[in-house]
Amino acid sequence: MKIGVLSDTHSYLHPKIFEFFAACDELWHCGDIGNMETLTQLQAFKPLRAVYGNIDGKEVRNQCGEDELFYIEKSKILMTHIGGYPSKYHPRALALIKEHRPSIFVCGHSHILRVIYDKTHQLLYINPGAAGCEGFHTYITCLSFEWINDRPQKMEVFETDRCIRKQ
C-alpha cells in the first residue's frame, strides 16, 4: 500500500501533486483544505482521509472531523491539524497522544515539513509541510511512503516552487 500525505492546501492544488500521488492507494490531508472544491477534487482522485483545519469553513467541517484515529494493520494513526512537534506539542495534541498512544502522529499547520521519531512518546511524527500557496513557506511540500511490514518505508518528499495559477 502506498500513502500520500499533504496539508495546508488553502484551496490550491499544484498540478504536479497529482503526478506525485498517482501511484498512491490513499491520501491523508492534515487540514486547512480551504474549500469544498479542493476536498471534492481530492476525493475524486483517491480515497481520502482528512481533518479540518483552523481556516476551514462550515462546509469542510461538516465533511471532515477535527481528528482521525484509525489503524493500518496493527499500527494506530492519529491525525489532527494543529499538533506542534516533539517536545513542543500543542496541549490539545499532547492530550490526544497521551490518551490514544498512536504509533504515528500526523499533523499540519506549521507549513514546515518534519519527520521525527519521538522517543518520549514512542511514535513517528509526520508533518508534510504546506501544499498550498498561502503562508510563509518558499516551497510546496508533501510526502508519500509505502506501508511495508506494518510501518512507513521508502518515504519520498515532493517539493516544488510555490504556485502555478491558471490564467
Protein backbone atom coordinates (compact mmCIF):
# COMPACT_ATOMS: atom_id res chain seq x y z
CA MET A 1 0.00 0.00 0.00
CA LYS A 2 1.26 3.49 -0.84
CA ILE A 3 0.05 6.54 1.07
CA GLY A 4 0.30 10.23 0.21
CA VAL A 5 0.25 12.91 2.93
CA LEU A 6 -0.45 16.61 2.43
CA SER A 7 -1.63 19.59 4.41
CA ASP A 8 -2.41 23.28 4.20
CA THR A 9 -3.62 23.37 0.60
CA HIS A 10 -5.61 26.54 1.34
CA SER A 11 -7.86 25.98 -1.72
CA TYR A 12 -4.94 25.29 -4.08
CA LEU A 13 -3.75 22.04 -5.65
CA HIS A 14 -0.50 22.25 -7.60
CA PRO A 15 -0.86 20.22 -10.82
CA LYS A 16 2.32 18.23 -10.12
CA ILE A 17 0.84 16.92 -6.87
CA PHE A 18 -1.46 14.67 -8.90
CA GLU A 19 1.57 13.19 -10.67
CA PHE A 20 3.38 12.66 -7.38
CA PHE A 21 0.36 10.94 -5.82
CA ALA A 22 -0.60 8.93 -8.93
CA ALA A 23 0.71 5.62 -7.53
CA CYS A 24 -0.81 6.15 -4.07
CA ASP A 25 -3.64 3.96 -2.83
CA GLU A 26 -4.96 6.64 -0.48
CA LEU A 27 -4.28 10.21 0.65
CA TRP A 28 -4.23 11.77 4.09
CA HIS A 29 -4.94 15.52 4.33
CA CYS A 30 -3.96 17.15 7.63
CA GLY A 31 -6.26 20.17 7.47
CA ASP A 32 -6.58 23.69 6.10
CA ILE A 33 -8.13 22.22 2.98
CA GLY A 34 -9.56 25.61 2.10
CA ASN A 35 -12.82 24.89 0.31
CA MET A 36 -15.19 22.16 -0.84
CA GLU A 37 -13.84 22.23 -4.40
CA THR A 38 -10.38 21.20 -3.15
CA LEU A 39 -11.86 18.50 -0.92
CA THR A 40 -14.03 17.17 -3.77
CA GLN A 41 -11.10 17.10 -6.22
CA LEU A 42 -9.02 15.04 -3.79
CA GLN A 43 -11.92 12.68 -3.01
CA ALA A 44 -12.47 12.11 -6.73
CA PHE A 45 -8.76 11.43 -7.26
CA LYS A 46 -8.01 8.92 -4.47
CA PRO A 47 -9.62 7.53 -1.30
CA LEU A 48 -9.12 10.32 1.23
CA ARG A 49 -8.81 10.60 5.00
CA ALA A 50 -8.97 14.25 6.03
CA VAL A 51 -9.33 16.50 9.05
CA TYR A 52 -10.35 20.12 9.03
CA GLY A 53 -8.01 22.94 9.94
CA ASN A 54 -8.37 26.34 11.54
CA ILE A 55 -9.10 28.12 8.21
CA ASP A 56 -11.72 25.62 7.06
CA GLY A 57 -15.32 26.79 6.99
CA LYS A 58 -18.57 25.09 7.90
CA GLU A 59 -18.88 23.10 4.64
CA VAL A 60 -15.48 21.43 5.04
CA ARG A 61 -16.03 20.94 8.79
CA ASN A 62 -19.31 19.16 8.04
CA GLN A 63 -17.41 16.68 5.85
CA CYS A 64 -14.26 16.21 7.96
CA GLY A 65 -13.66 15.71 11.65
CA GLU A 66 -11.22 17.59 13.84
CA ASP A 67 -9.29 14.37 14.41
CA GLU A 68 -8.95 10.99 12.72
CA LEU A 69 -7.94 7.92 14.67
CA PHE A 70 -7.53 4.77 12.59
CA TYR A 71 -5.46 1.65 12.12
CA ILE A 72 -3.31 0.45 9.26
CA GLU A 73 -2.62 -3.18 10.02
CA LYS A 74 -1.66 -3.13 13.74
CA SER A 75 -0.45 0.49 13.81
CA LYS A 76 -2.65 3.19 15.31
CA ILE A 77 -2.53 6.52 13.46
CA LEU A 78 -3.71 9.82 14.94
CA MET A 79 -4.21 12.79 12.62
CA THR A 80 -5.16 16.35 13.53
CA HIS A 81 -4.35 19.78 12.14
CA ILE A 82 -2.66 21.74 14.94
CA GLY A 83 -0.13 19.44 16.55
CA GLY A 84 3.09 21.24 17.31
CA TYR A 85 6.08 18.91 17.21
CA PRO A 86 8.01 16.61 19.58
CA SER A 87 8.93 18.40 22.81
CA LYS A 88 6.68 21.32 21.74
CA TYR A 89 3.32 19.64 21.13
CA HIS A 90 0.19 21.76 21.24
CA PRO A 91 -1.55 20.99 24.59
CA ARG A 92 -4.63 19.51 22.88
CA ALA A 93 -2.46 17.31 20.64
CA LEU A 94 -0.38 16.16 23.60
CA ALA A 95 -3.53 15.15 25.46
CA LEU A 96 -4.68 13.14 22.42
CA ILE A 97 -1.26 11.48 22.13
CA LYS A 98 -1.31 10.52 25.81
CA GLU A 99 -4.89 9.24 25.59
CA HIS A 100 -4.59 7.22 22.36
CA ARG A 101 -0.86 6.31 22.31
CA PRO A 102 -0.57 6.19 18.50
CA SER A 103 2.33 4.65 16.59
CA ILE A 104 2.16 7.54 14.13
CA PHE A 105 1.06 11.14 14.73
CA VAL A 106 0.29 13.18 11.61
CA CYS A 107 -0.44 16.90 11.63
CA GLY A 108 -0.09 20.08 9.60
CA HIS A 109 -0.49 23.80 10.41
CA SER A 110 3.18 24.79 10.74
CA HIS A 111 3.90 24.76 6.97
CA ILE A 112 7.22 23.11 7.93
CA LEU A 113 7.99 19.60 6.68
CA ARG A 114 9.23 17.44 9.54
CA VAL A 115 9.52 13.70 10.10
CA ILE A 116 10.86 12.85 13.55
CA TYR A 117 10.87 9.77 15.71
CA ASP A 118 9.62 10.90 19.12
CA LYS A 119 11.38 8.65 21.65
CA THR A 120 9.44 10.08 24.59
CA HIS A 121 6.05 9.06 23.19
CA GLN A 122 7.37 6.21 21.03
CA LEU A 123 5.76 7.44 17.83
CA LEU A 124 6.67 8.62 14.38
CA TYR A 125 5.78 12.30 13.96
CA ILE A 126 4.90 13.37 10.40
CA ASN A 127 4.15 16.88 9.18
CA PRO A 128 4.15 17.13 5.36
CA GLY A 129 4.63 20.91 5.29
CA ALA A 130 2.35 23.00 3.10
CA ALA A 131 0.93 22.05 -0.29
CA GLY A 132 -0.78 25.38 -0.98
CA CYS A 133 0.19 28.95 -1.80
CA GLU A 134 -0.80 30.75 1.39
CA GLY A 135 1.81 31.22 4.12
CA PHE A 136 5.47 31.99 4.64
CA HIS A 137 6.86 28.81 3.08
CA THR A 138 9.04 29.07 -0.02
CA TYR A 139 8.28 25.63 -1.47
CA ILE A 140 5.22 23.43 -1.70
CA THR A 141 5.90 20.10 0.02
CA CYS A 142 4.12 16.82 0.65
CA LEU A 143 5.11 13.20 1.32
CA SER A 144 4.44 9.68 0.23
CA PHE A 145 5.54 6.36 1.64
CA GLU A 146 4.96 2.67 1.23
CA TRP A 147 3.37 0.70 4.04
CA ILE A 148 5.58 -2.38 4.46
CA ASN A 149 5.78 -4.73 7.46
CA ASP A 150 3.35 -2.59 9.45
CA ARG A 151 5.28 0.67 9.13
CA PRO A 152 6.06 3.50 6.70
CA GLN A 153 9.07 2.86 4.49
CA LYS A 154 10.57 4.33 1.32
CA MET A 155 9.38 7.83 2.19
CA GLU A 156 9.59 10.37 -0.63
CA VAL A 157 9.33 14.16 -0.45
CA PHE A 158 7.64 16.24 -3.13
CA GLU A 159 8.97 19.77 -3.37
CA THR A 160 8.31 22.44 -5.97
CA ASP A 161 8.11 26.18 -6.37
CA ARG A 162 5.05 27.81 -4.86
CA CYS A 163 2.20 28.28 -7.28
CA ILE A 164 1.13 27.74 -10.84
CA ARG A 165 -2.11 29.68 -11.19
CA LYS A 166 -4.47 29.12 -14.10
CA GLN A 167 -4.59 32.23 -16.27
